Amino acid sequence: HWHSPQFHAYFPTGNSYPSILADMLSDAIGCIGFTWIASPACTEL
């Protein structure tokens, strides 16, 4: 349990609800942004 307050190993690994929500949206959009035209918002953001 990396996000337990009793976990003190290695270095932190990030976790927050806003980030989880963003990953949900990223998974739903599902673009593969290798070029600008593949999804302009992906590159420009």
All heavy atoms as atom14 arrays in JSON, in Angstrom:
{
  "sequence": "HWHSPQFHAYFPTGNSYPSILADMLSDAIGCIGFTWIASPACTEL",
  "atom14_mask": [
    [1, 1, 1, 1, 1, 1, 1, 1, 1, 1, 0, 0, 0, 0],
    [1, 1, 1, 1, 1, 1, 1, 1, 1, 1, 1, 1, 1, 1],
    [1, 1, 1, 1, 1, 1, 1, 1, 1, 1, 0, 0, 0, 0],
    [1, 1, 1, 1, 1, 1, 0, 0, 0, 0, 0, 0, 0, 0],
    [1, 1, 1, 1, 1, 1, 1, 0, 0, 0, 0, 0, 0, 0],
    [1, 1, 1, 1, 1, 1, 1, 1, 1, 0, 0, 0, 0, 0],
    [1, 1, 1, 1, 1, 1, 1, 1, 1, 1, 1, 0, 0, 0],
    [1, 1, 1, 1, 1, 1, 1, 1, 1, 1, 0, 0, 0, 0],
    [1, 1, 1, 1, 1, 0, 0, 0, 0, 0, 0, 0, 0, 0],
    [1, 1, 1, 1, 1, 1, 1, 1, 1, 1, 1, 1, 0, 0],
    [1, 1, 1, 1, 1, 1, 1, 1, 1, 1, 1, 0, 0, 0],
    [1, 1, 1, 1, 1, 1, 1, 0, 0, 0, 0, 0, 0, 0],
    [1, 1, 1, 1, 1, 1, 1, 0, 0, 0, 0, 0, 0, 0],
    [1, 1, 1, 1, 0, 0, 0, 0, 0, 0, 0, 0, 0, 0],
    [1, 1, 1, 1, 1, 1, 1, 1, 0, 0, 0, 0, 0, 0],
    [1, 1, 1, 1, 1, 1, 0, 0, 0, 0, 0, 0, 0, 0],
    [1, 1, 1, 1, 1, 1, 1, 1, 1, 1, 1, 1, 0, 0],
    [1, 1, 1, 1, 1, 1, 1, 0, 0, 0, 0, 0, 0, 0],
    [1, 1, 1, 1, 1, 1, 0, 0, 0, 0, 0, 0, 0, 0],
    [1, 1, 1, 1, 1, 1, 1, 1, 0, 0, 0, 0, 0, 0],
    [1, 1, 1, 1, 1, 1, 1, 1, 0, 0, 0, 0, 0, 0],
    [1, 1, 1, 1, 1, 0, 0, 0, 0, 0, 0, 0, 0, 0],
    [1, 1, 1, 1, 1, 1, 1, 1, 0, 0, 0, 0, 0, 0],
    [1, 1, 1, 1, 1, 1, 1, 1, 0, 0, 0, 0, 0, 0],
    [1, 1, 1, 1, 1, 1, 1, 1, 0, 0, 0, 0, 0, 0],
    [1, 1, 1, 1, 1, 1, 0, 0, 0, 0, 0, 0, 0, 0],
    [1, 1, 1, 1, 1, 1, 1, 1, 0, 0, 0, 0, 0, 0],
    [1, 1, 1, 1, 1, 0, 0, 0, 0, 0, 0, 0, 0, 0],
    [1, 1, 1, 1, 1, 1, 1, 1, 0, 0, 0, 0, 0, 0],
    [1, 1, 1, 1, 0, 0, 0, 0, 0, 0, 0, 0, 0, 0],
    [1, 1, 1, 1, 1, 1, 0, 0, 0, 0, 0, 0, 0, 0],
    [1, 1, 1, 1, 1, 1, 1, 1, 0, 0, 0, 0, 0, 0],
    [1, 1, 1, 1, 0, 0, 0, 0, 0, 0, 0, 0, 0, 0],
    [1, 1, 1, 1, 1, 1, 1, 1, 1, 1, 1, 0, 0, 0],
    [1, 1, 1, 1, 1, 1, 1, 0, 0, 0, 0, 0, 0, 0],
    [1, 1, 1, 1, 1, 1, 1, 1, 1, 1, 1, 1, 1, 1],
    [1, 1, 1, 1, 1, 1, 1, 1, 0, 0, 0, 0, 0, 0],
    [1, 1, 1, 1, 1, 0, 0, 0, 0, 0, 0, 0, 0, 0],
    [1, 1, 1, 1, 1, 1, 0, 0, 0, 0, 0, 0, 0, 0],
    [1, 1, 1, 1, 1, 1, 1, 0, 0, 0, 0, 0, 0, 0],
    [1, 1, 1, 1, 1, 0, 0, 0, 0, 0, 0, 0, 0, 0],
    [1, 1, 1, 1, 1, 1, 0, 0, 0, 0, 0, 0, 0, 0],
    [1, 1, 1, 1, 1, 1, 1, 0, 0, 0, 0, 0, 0, 0],
    [1, 1, 1, 1, 1, 1, 1, 1, 1, 0, 0, 0, 0, 0],
    [1, 1, 1, 1, 1, 1, 1, 1, 0, 0, 0, 0, 0, 0]
  ],
  "atom14_positions": [
    [[0.84, -1.21, 0.0], [0.0, 0.0, 0.0], [0.88, 1.26, 0.0], [1.17, 1.85, 1.04], [-0.95, -0.04, 1.18], [-1.88, -1.21, 1.14], [-2.94, -1.3, 0.27], [-1.86, -2.39, 1.84], [-3.57, -2.46, 0.44], [-2.93, -3.14, 1.37], [0.0, 0.0, 0.0], [0.0, 0.0, 0.0], [0.0, 0.0, 0.0], [0.0, 0.0, 0.0]],
    [[1.25, 1.67, -1.21], [2.17, 2.79, -1.4], [1.61, 4.1, -0.86], [2.37, 5.03, -0.55], [2.47, 2.96, -2.89], [3.5, 2.0, -3.41], [3.4, 0.64, -3.5], [4.8, 2.33, -3.93], [4.54, 0.11, -4.03], [5.42, 1.13, -4.31], [5.48, 3.53, -4.11], [6.71, 1.09, -4.86], [6.75, 3.5, -4.66], [7.35, 2.28, -5.02]],
    [[0.3, 4.22, -0.76], [-0.28, 5.48, -0.31], [-0.72, 5.43, 1.15], [-1.39, 6.35, 1.63], [-1.44, 5.86, -1.22], [-0.99, 6.06, -2.65], [-0.16, 7.1, -3.02], [-1.17, 5.31, -3.76], [0.11, 7.0, -4.31], [-0.48, 5.92, -4.77], [0.0, 0.0, 0.0], [0.0, 0.0, 0.0], [0.0, 0.0, 0.0], [0.0, 0.0, 0.0]],
    [[-0.28, 4.39, 1.83], [-0.5, 4.33, 3.28], [0.42, 5.32, 3.98], [1.59, 5.48, 3.61], [-0.2, 2.92, 3.79], [-0.1, 2.91, 5.21], [0.0, 0.0, 0.0], [0.0, 0.0, 0.0], [0.0, 0.0, 0.0], [0.0, 0.0, 0.0], [0.0, 0.0, 0.0], [0.0, 0.0, 0.0], [0.0, 0.0, 0.0], [0.0, 0.0, 0.0]],
    [[-0.07, 6.02, 5.01], [0.81, 6.89, 5.79], [1.92, 6.15, 6.51], [2.84, 6.77, 7.04], [-0.16, 7.54, 6.79], [-1.49, 7.47, 6.15], [-1.48, 6.16, 5.4], [0.0, 0.0, 0.0], [0.0, 0.0, 0.0], [0.0, 0.0, 0.0], [0.0, 0.0, 0.0], [0.0, 0.0, 0.0], [0.0, 0.0, 0.0], [0.0, 0.0, 0.0]],
    [[1.82, 4.81, 6.54], [2.89, 4.0, 7.14], [3.91, 3.51, 6.09], [4.84, 2.78, 6.42], [2.29, 2.8, 7.86], [1.76, 3.12, 9.25], [0.37, 3.73, 9.2], [-0.57, 3.13, 8.71], [0.24, 4.94, 9.73], [0.0, 0.0, 0.0], [0.0, 0.0, 0.0], [0.0, 0.0, 0.0], [0.0, 0.0, 0.0], [0.0, 0.0, 0.0]],
    [[3.72, 3.91, 4.85], [4.67, 3.56, 3.78], [5.74, 4.64, 3.73], [5.46, 5.81, 3.43], [3.94, 3.47, 2.43], [4.82, 3.06, 1.28], [4.94, 1.73, 0.9], [5.54, 4.01, 0.56], [5.75, 1.35, -0.16], [6.36, 3.65, -0.5], [6.46, 2.31, -0.86], [0.0, 0.0, 0.0], [0.0, 0.0, 0.0], [0.0, 0.0, 0.0]],
    [[6.99, 4.26, 4.03], [8.1, 5.22, 4.08], [9.29, 4.74, 3.24], [10.44, 5.09, 3.53], [8.55, 5.44, 5.53], [7.47, 6.01, 6.4], [6.99, 7.29, 6.24], [6.78, 5.48, 7.44], [6.05, 7.54, 7.15], [5.9, 6.44, 7.88], [0.0, 0.0, 0.0], [0.0, 0.0, 0.0], [0.0, 0.0, 0.0], [0.0, 0.0, 0.0]],
    [[9.02, 3.94, 2.22], [10.09, 3.37, 1.41], [10.3, 4.17, 0.12], [9.44, 4.94, -0.3], [9.75, 1.91, 1.06], [0.0, 0.0, 0.0], [0.0, 0.0, 0.0], [0.0, 0.0, 0.0], [0.0, 0.0, 0.0], [0.0, 0.0, 0.0], [0.0, 0.0, 0.0], [0.0, 0.0, 0.0], [0.0, 0.0, 0.0], [0.0, 0.0, 0.0]],
    [[11.47, 3.97, -0.48], [11.8, 4.57, -1.77], [11.61, 6.09, -1.7], [12.12, 6.77, -0.83], [10.96, 3.95, -2.89], [10.9, 2.44, -2.83], [9.73, 1.78, -2.47], [12.03, 1.68, -3.1], [9.69, 0.39, -2.38], [12.0, 0.29, -3.02], [10.83, -0.35, -2.66], [10.79, -1.71, -2.57], [0.0, 0.0, 0.0], [0.0, 0.0, 0.0]],
    [[10.85, 6.65, -2.66], [10.41, 8.04, -2.64], [8.9, 8.03, -2.86], [8.32, 6.99, -3.22], [11.12, 8.85, -3.74], [12.49, 9.33, -3.37], [13.56, 9.17, -4.25], [12.73, 9.96, -2.16], [14.83, 9.63, -3.93], [14.0, 10.41, -1.82], [15.05, 10.26, -2.71], [0.0, 0.0, 0.0], [0.0, 0.0, 0.0], [0.0, 0.0, 0.0]],
    [[8.22, 9.15, -2.68], [6.76, 9.16, -2.87], [6.36, 8.8, -4.29], [7.13, 9.0, -5.24], [6.37, 10.61, -2.56], [7.52, 11.2, -1.82], [8.73, 10.47, -2.28], [0.0, 0.0, 0.0], [0.0, 0.0, 0.0], [0.0, 0.0, 0.0], [0.0, 0.0, 0.0], [0.0, 0.0, 0.0], [0.0, 0.0, 0.0], [0.0, 0.0, 0.0]],
    [[5.15, 8.29, -4.43], [4.52, 8.18, -5.74], [3.21, 8.94, -5.66], [2.45, 8.8, -4.71], [4.29, 6.72, -6.15], [3.71, 6.68, -7.45], [3.39, 5.98, -5.19], [0.0, 0.0, 0.0], [0.0, 0.0, 0.0], [0.0, 0.0, 0.0], [0.0, 0.0, 0.0], [0.0, 0.0, 0.0], [0.0, 0.0, 0.0], [0.0, 0.0, 0.0]],
    [[2.98, 9.81, -6.64], [1.89, 10.76, -6.57], [0.51, 10.11, -6.61], [0.31, 9.05, -7.2], [0.0, 0.0, 0.0], [0.0, 0.0, 0.0], [0.0, 0.0, 0.0], [0.0, 0.0, 0.0], [0.0, 0.0, 0.0], [0.0, 0.0, 0.0], [0.0, 0.0, 0.0], [0.0, 0.0, 0.0], [0.0, 0.0, 0.0], [0.0, 0.0, 0.0]],
    [[-0.44, 10.8, -5.96], [-1.82, 10.31, -5.96], [-2.73, 11.44, -5.52], [-2.48, 12.11, -4.52], [-1.95, 9.13, -4.99], [-3.38, 8.61, -4.9], [-4.18, 9.12, -4.13], [-3.67, 7.58, -5.67], [0.0, 0.0, 0.0], [0.0, 0.0, 0.0], [0.0, 0.0, 0.0], [0.0, 0.0, 0.0], [0.0, 0.0, 0.0], [0.0, 0.0, 0.0]],
    [[-3.77, 11.69, -6.3], [-4.8, 12.66, -5.91], [-6.04, 12.4, -6.75], [-5.97, 11.85, -7.85], [-4.31, 14.1, -6.11], [-4.16, 14.39, -7.49], [0.0, 0.0, 0.0], [0.0, 0.0, 0.0], [0.0, 0.0, 0.0], [0.0, 0.0, 0.0], [0.0, 0.0, 0.0], [0.0, 0.0, 0.0], [0.0, 0.0, 0.0], [0.0, 0.0, 0.0]],
    [[-7.16, 12.81, -6.22], [-8.41, 12.6, -6.95], [-8.46, 13.38, -8.27], [-8.95, 12.84, -9.28], [-9.6, 12.96, -6.06], [-9.8, 11.98, -4.92], [-9.85, 12.41, -3.6], [-9.94, 10.61, -5.17], [-10.03, 11.51, -2.55], [-10.13, 9.7, -4.14], [-10.16, 10.17, -2.82], [-10.33, 9.26, -1.8], [0.0, 0.0, 0.0], [0.0, 0.0, 0.0]],
    [[-7.99, 14.63, -8.33], [-7.98, 15.3, -9.63], [-7.19, 14.55, -10.69], [-7.59, 14.48, -11.85], [-7.34, 16.67, -9.32], [-7.64, 16.9, -7.89], [-7.58, 15.56, -7.24], [0.0, 0.0, 0.0], [0.0, 0.0, 0.0], [0.0, 0.0, 0.0], [0.0, 0.0, 0.0], [0.0, 0.0, 0.0], [0.0, 0.0, 0.0], [0.0, 0.0, 0.0]],
    [[-6.06, 13.96, -10.29], [-5.24, 13.22, -11.23], [-5.95, 11.94, -11.69], [-5.89, 11.57, -12.86], [-3.89, 12.88, -10.61], [-3.05, 12.23, -11.52], [0.0, 0.0, 0.0], [0.0, 0.0, 0.0], [0.0, 0.0, 0.0], [0.0, 0.0, 0.0], [0.0, 0.0, 0.0], [0.0, 0.0, 0.0], [0.0, 0.0, 0.0], [0.0, 0.0, 0.0]],
    [[-6.62, 11.27, -10.77], [-7.37, 10.07, -11.13], [-8.48, 10.42, -12.12], [-8.71, 9.71, -13.12], [-7.96, 9.4, -9.87], [-6.83, 8.85, -8.98], [-8.92, 8.27, -10.24], [-7.31, 8.35, -7.63], [0.0, 0.0, 0.0], [0.0, 0.0, 0.0], [0.0, 0.0, 0.0], [0.0, 0.0, 0.0], [0.0, 0.0, 0.0], [0.0, 0.0, 0.0]],
    [[-9.17, 11.52, -11.88], [-10.23, 11.96, -12.79], [-9.67, 12.26, -14.18], [-10.28, 11.94, -15.21], [-10.93, 13.2, -12.24], [-11.82, 12.96, -11.02], [-12.24, 14.3, -10.41], [-13.05, 12.14, -11.39], [0.0, 0.0, 0.0], [0.0, 0.0, 0.0], [0.0, 0.0, 0.0], [0.0, 0.0, 0.0], [0.0, 0.0, 0.0], [0.0, 0.0, 0.0]],
    [[-8.49, 12.89, -14.22], [-7.87, 13.21, -15.51], [-7.51, 11.94, -16.27], [-7.67, 11.88, -17.5], [-6.63, 14.07, -15.3], [0.0, 0.0, 0.0], [0.0, 0.0, 0.0], [0.0, 0.0, 0.0], [0.0, 0.0, 0.0], [0.0, 0.0, 0.0], [0.0, 0.0, 0.0], [0.0, 0.0, 0.0], [0.0, 0.0, 0.0], [0.0, 0.0, 0.0]],
    [[-7.03, 10.93, -15.56], [-6.72, 9.65, -16.22], [-7.98, 9.0, -16.77], [-7.95, 8.36, -17.83], [-6.01, 8.7, -15.25], [-4.5, 8.72, -15.43], [-4.04, 9.21, -16.48], [-3.78, 8.25, -14.54], [0.0, 0.0, 0.0], [0.0, 0.0, 0.0], [0.0, 0.0, 0.0], [0.0, 0.0, 0.0], [0.0, 0.0, 0.0], [0.0, 0.0, 0.0]],
    [[-9.09, 9.16, -16.07], [-10.35, 8.62, -16.58], [-10.71, 9.27, -17.91], [-11.09, 8.59, -18.88], [-11.48, 8.85, -15.57], [-11.4, 7.99, -14.33], [-12.69, 8.4, -13.12], [-14.18, 8.02, -14.05], [0.0, 0.0, 0.0], [0.0, 0.0, 0.0], [0.0, 0.0, 0.0], [0.0, 0.0, 0.0], [0.0, 0.0, 0.0], [0.0, 0.0, 0.0]],
    [[-10.58, 10.59, -17.98], [-10.89, 11.29, -19.22], [-9.91, 10.92, -20.33], [-10.32, 10.71, -21.48], [-10.87, 12.8, -18.99], [-11.16, 13.68, -20.21], [-12.52, 13.34, -20.82], [-11.09, 15.16, -19.83], [0.0, 0.0, 0.0], [0.0, 0.0, 0.0], [0.0, 0.0, 0.0], [0.0, 0.0, 0.0], [0.0, 0.0, 0.0], [0.0, 0.0, 0.0]],
    [[-8.63, 10.81, -19.98], [-7.62, 10.4, -20.96], [-7.95, 9.03, -21.53], [-7.88, 8.8, -22.74], [-6.23, 10.4, -20.32], [-5.26, 9.87, -21.2], [0.0, 0.0, 0.0], [0.0, 0.0, 0.0], [0.0, 0.0, 0.0], [0.0, 0.0, 0.0], [0.0, 0.0, 0.0], [0.0, 0.0, 0.0], [0.0, 0.0, 0.0], [0.0, 0.0, 0.0]],
    [[-8.35, 8.1, -20.65], [-8.69, 6.75, -21.11], [-9.93, 6.77, -21.99], [-10.03, 5.99, -22.96], [-8.92, 5.83, -19.91], [-7.63, 5.52, -19.16], [-6.55, 5.73, -19.75], [-7.7, 5.09, -18.0], [0.0, 0.0, 0.0], [0.0, 0.0, 0.0], [0.0, 0.0, 0.0], [0.0, 0.0, 0.0], [0.0, 0.0, 0.0], [0.0, 0.0, 0.0]],
    [[-10.88, 7.65, -21.68], [-12.11, 7.71, -22.48], [-11.84, 8.3, -23.86], [-12.33, 7.79, -24.87], [-13.16, 8.54, -21.75], [0.0, 0.0, 0.0], [0.0, 0.0, 0.0], [0.0, 0.0, 0.0], [0.0, 0.0, 0.0], [0.0, 0.0, 0.0], [0.0, 0.0, 0.0], [0.0, 0.0, 0.0], [0.0, 0.0, 0.0], [0.0, 0.0, 0.0]],
    [[-11.04, 9.38, -23.92], [-10.7, 9.97, -25.21], [-9.87, 8.99, -26.03], [-10.09, 8.8, -27.23], [-9.94, 11.3, -25.01], [-10.88, 12.34, -24.4], [-9.37, 11.82, -26.33], [-10.21, 13.63, -23.99], [0.0, 0.0, 0.0], [0.0, 0.0, 0.0], [0.0, 0.0, 0.0], [0.0, 0.0, 0.0], [0.0, 0.0, 0.0], [0.0, 0.0, 0.0]],
    [[-8.9, 8.36, -25.37], [-8.17, 7.25, -25.97], [-7.34, 7.61, -27.2], [-7.11, 6.74, -28.05], [0.0, 0.0, 0.0], [0.0, 0.0, 0.0], [0.0, 0.0, 0.0], [0.0, 0.0, 0.0], [0.0, 0.0, 0.0], [0.0, 0.0, 0.0], [0.0, 0.0, 0.0], [0.0, 0.0, 0.0], [0.0, 0.0, 0.0], [0.0, 0.0, 0.0]],
    [[-6.89, 8.84, -27.31], [-6.08, 9.21, -28.47], [-4.64, 8.73, -28.31], [-4.17, 8.49, -27.2], [-6.09, 10.73, -28.68], [-5.32, 11.68, -27.36], [0.0, 0.0, 0.0], [0.0, 0.0, 0.0], [0.0, 0.0, 0.0], [0.0, 0.0, 0.0], [0.0, 0.0, 0.0], [0.0, 0.0, 0.0], [0.0, 0.0, 0.0], [0.0, 0.0, 0.0]],
    [[-3.94, 8.59, -29.41], [-2.52, 8.23, -29.42], [-1.79, 9.42, -30.04], [-1.64, 9.52, -31.25], [-2.26, 6.95, -30.24], [-3.22, 5.84, -29.82], [-0.81, 6.51, -30.08], [-3.09, 5.39, -28.39], [0.0, 0.0, 0.0], [0.0, 0.0, 0.0], [0.0, 0.0, 0.0], [0.0, 0.0, 0.0], [0.0, 0.0, 0.0], [0.0, 0.0, 0.0]],
    [[-1.35, 10.34, -29.19], [-0.94, 11.65, -29.67], [0.47, 11.76, -30.21], [1.26, 12.57, -29.74], [0.0, 0.0, 0.0], [0.0, 0.0, 0.0], [0.0, 0.0, 0.0], [0.0, 0.0, 0.0], [0.0, 0.0, 0.0], [0.0, 0.0, 0.0], [0.0, 0.0, 0.0], [0.0, 0.0, 0.0], [0.0, 0.0, 0.0], [0.0, 0.0, 0.0]],
    [[0.81, 10.94, -31.21], [2.18, 10.98, -31.72], [2.44, 12.17, -32.63], [3.6, 12.56, -32.82], [2.55, 9.67, -32.44], [1.48, 9.11, -33.32], [1.14, 9.71, -34.51], [0.81, 7.95, -32.95], [0.15, 9.19, -35.33], [-0.18, 7.41, -33.77], [-0.52, 8.03, -34.97], [0.0, 0.0, 0.0], [0.0, 0.0, 0.0], [0.0, 0.0, 0.0]],
    [[1.39, 12.73, -33.25], [1.55, 13.94, -34.06], [0.5, 14.96, -33.63], [-0.48, 14.62, -32.96], [1.35, 13.66, -35.57], [-0.01, 13.24, -35.79], [2.31, 12.61, -36.07], [0.0, 0.0, 0.0], [0.0, 0.0, 0.0], [0.0, 0.0, 0.0], [0.0, 0.0, 0.0], [0.0, 0.0, 0.0], [0.0, 0.0, 0.0], [0.0, 0.0, 0.0]],
    [[0.69, 16.18, -34.08], [-0.29, 17.23, -33.77], [-1.66, 16.85, -34.33], [-2.67, 16.93, -33.63], [0.18, 18.56, -34.36], [-0.79, 19.68, -34.16], [-0.89, 20.5, -33.06], [-1.81, 20.11, -35.07], [-1.9, 21.41, -33.24], [-2.5, 21.2, -34.46], [-2.21, 19.69, -36.34], [-3.55, 21.86, -35.09], [-3.27, 20.34, -36.97], [-3.92, 21.42, -36.33]],
    [[-1.71, 16.41, -35.57], [-2.98, 16.14, -36.21], [-3.67, 14.91, -35.61], [-4.9, 14.76, -35.7], [-2.8, 15.95, -37.75], [-4.14, 16.08, -38.49], [-2.12, 14.62, -38.05], [-4.81, 17.41, -38.33], [0.0, 0.0, 0.0], [0.0, 0.0, 0.0], [0.0, 0.0, 0.0], [0.0, 0.0, 0.0], [0.0, 0.0, 0.0], [0.0, 0.0, 0.0]],
    [[-2.91, 14.03, -34.95], [-3.51, 12.85, -34.33], [-4.47, 13.25, -33.22], [-5.39, 12.48, -32.9], [-2.43, 11.92, -33.78], [0.0, 0.0, 0.0], [0.0, 0.0, 0.0], [0.0, 0.0, 0.0], [0.0, 0.0, 0.0], [0.0, 0.0, 0.0], [0.0, 0.0, 0.0], [0.0, 0.0, 0.0], [0.0, 0.0, 0.0], [0.0, 0.0, 0.0]],
    [[-4.27, 14.4, -32.62], [-5.19, 14.98, -31.64], [-4.6, 16.32, -31.21], [-3.8, 16.37, -30.27], [-5.37, 14.07, -30.43], [-6.46, 14.52, -29.64], [0.0, 0.0, 0.0], [0.0, 0.0, 0.0], [0.0, 0.0, 0.0], [0.0, 0.0, 0.0], [0.0, 0.0, 0.0], [0.0, 0.0, 0.0], [0.0, 0.0, 0.0], [0.0, 0.0, 0.0]],
    [[-4.95, 17.4, -31.89], [-4.33, 18.7, -31.62], [-4.37, 19.11, -30.15], [-3.38, 19.67, -29.63], [-5.14, 19.66, -32.5], [-5.57, 18.81, -33.65], [-5.86, 17.46, -33.06], [0.0, 0.0, 0.0], [0.0, 0.0, 0.0], [0.0, 0.0, 0.0], [0.0, 0.0, 0.0], [0.0, 0.0, 0.0], [0.0, 0.0, 0.0], [0.0, 0.0, 0.0]],
    [[-5.47, 18.85, -29.45], [-5.55, 19.24, -28.04], [-4.51, 18.52, -27.2], [-3.96, 19.09, -26.25], [-6.95, 18.95, -27.5], [0.0, 0.0, 0.0], [0.0, 0.0, 0.0], [0.0, 0.0, 0.0], [0.0, 0.0, 0.0], [0.0, 0.0, 0.0], [0.0, 0.0, 0.0], [0.0, 0.0, 0.0], [0.0, 0.0, 0.0], [0.0, 0.0, 0.0]],
    [[-4.22, 17.27, -27.55], [-3.24, 16.48, -26.79], [-1.87, 17.14, -26.85], [-1.17, 17.25, -25.84], [-3.19, 15.06, -27.36], [-2.07, 13.95, -26.5], [0.0, 0.0, 0.0], [0.0, 0.0, 0.0], [0.0, 0.0, 0.0], [0.0, 0.0, 0.0], [0.0, 0.0, 0.0], [0.0, 0.0, 0.0], [0.0, 0.0, 0.0], [0.0, 0.0, 0.0]],
    [[-1.47, 17.58, -28.04], [-0.17, 18.23, -28.2], [-0.18, 19.63, -27.6], [0.72, 20.0, -26.83], [0.21, 18.31, -29.69], [0.41, 16.99, -30.2], [1.47, 19.13, -29.9], [0.0, 0.0, 0.0], [0.0, 0.0, 0.0], [0.0, 0.0, 0.0], [0.0, 0.0, 0.0], [0.0, 0.0, 0.0], [0.0, 0.0, 0.0], [0.0, 0.0, 0.0]],
    [[-1.18, 20.41, -27.93], [-1.15, 21.83, -27.55], [-1.32, 22.02, -26.04], [-0.69, 22.92, -25.45], [-2.21, 22.6, -28.33], [-1.93, 22.57, -29.84], [-2.51, 23.75, -30.58], [-3.0, 24.7, -29.93], [-2.47, 23.71, -31.83], [0.0, 0.0, 0.0], [0.0, 0.0, 0.0], [0.0, 0.0, 0.0], [0.0, 0.0, 0.0], [0.0, 0.0, 0.0]],
    [[-2.12, 21.19, -25.39], [-2.23, 21.3, -23.93], [-0.91, 20.95, -23.27], [-0.5, 21.59, -22.29], [-3.34, 20.4, -23.4], [-3.61, 20.54, -21.9], [-4.13, 21.93, -21.56], [-4.59, 19.47, -21.41], [0.0, 0.0, 0.0], [0.0, 0.0, 0.0], [0.0, 0.0, 0.0], [0.0, 0.0, 0.0], [0.0, 0.0, 0.0], [0.0, 0.0, 0.0]]
  ]
}
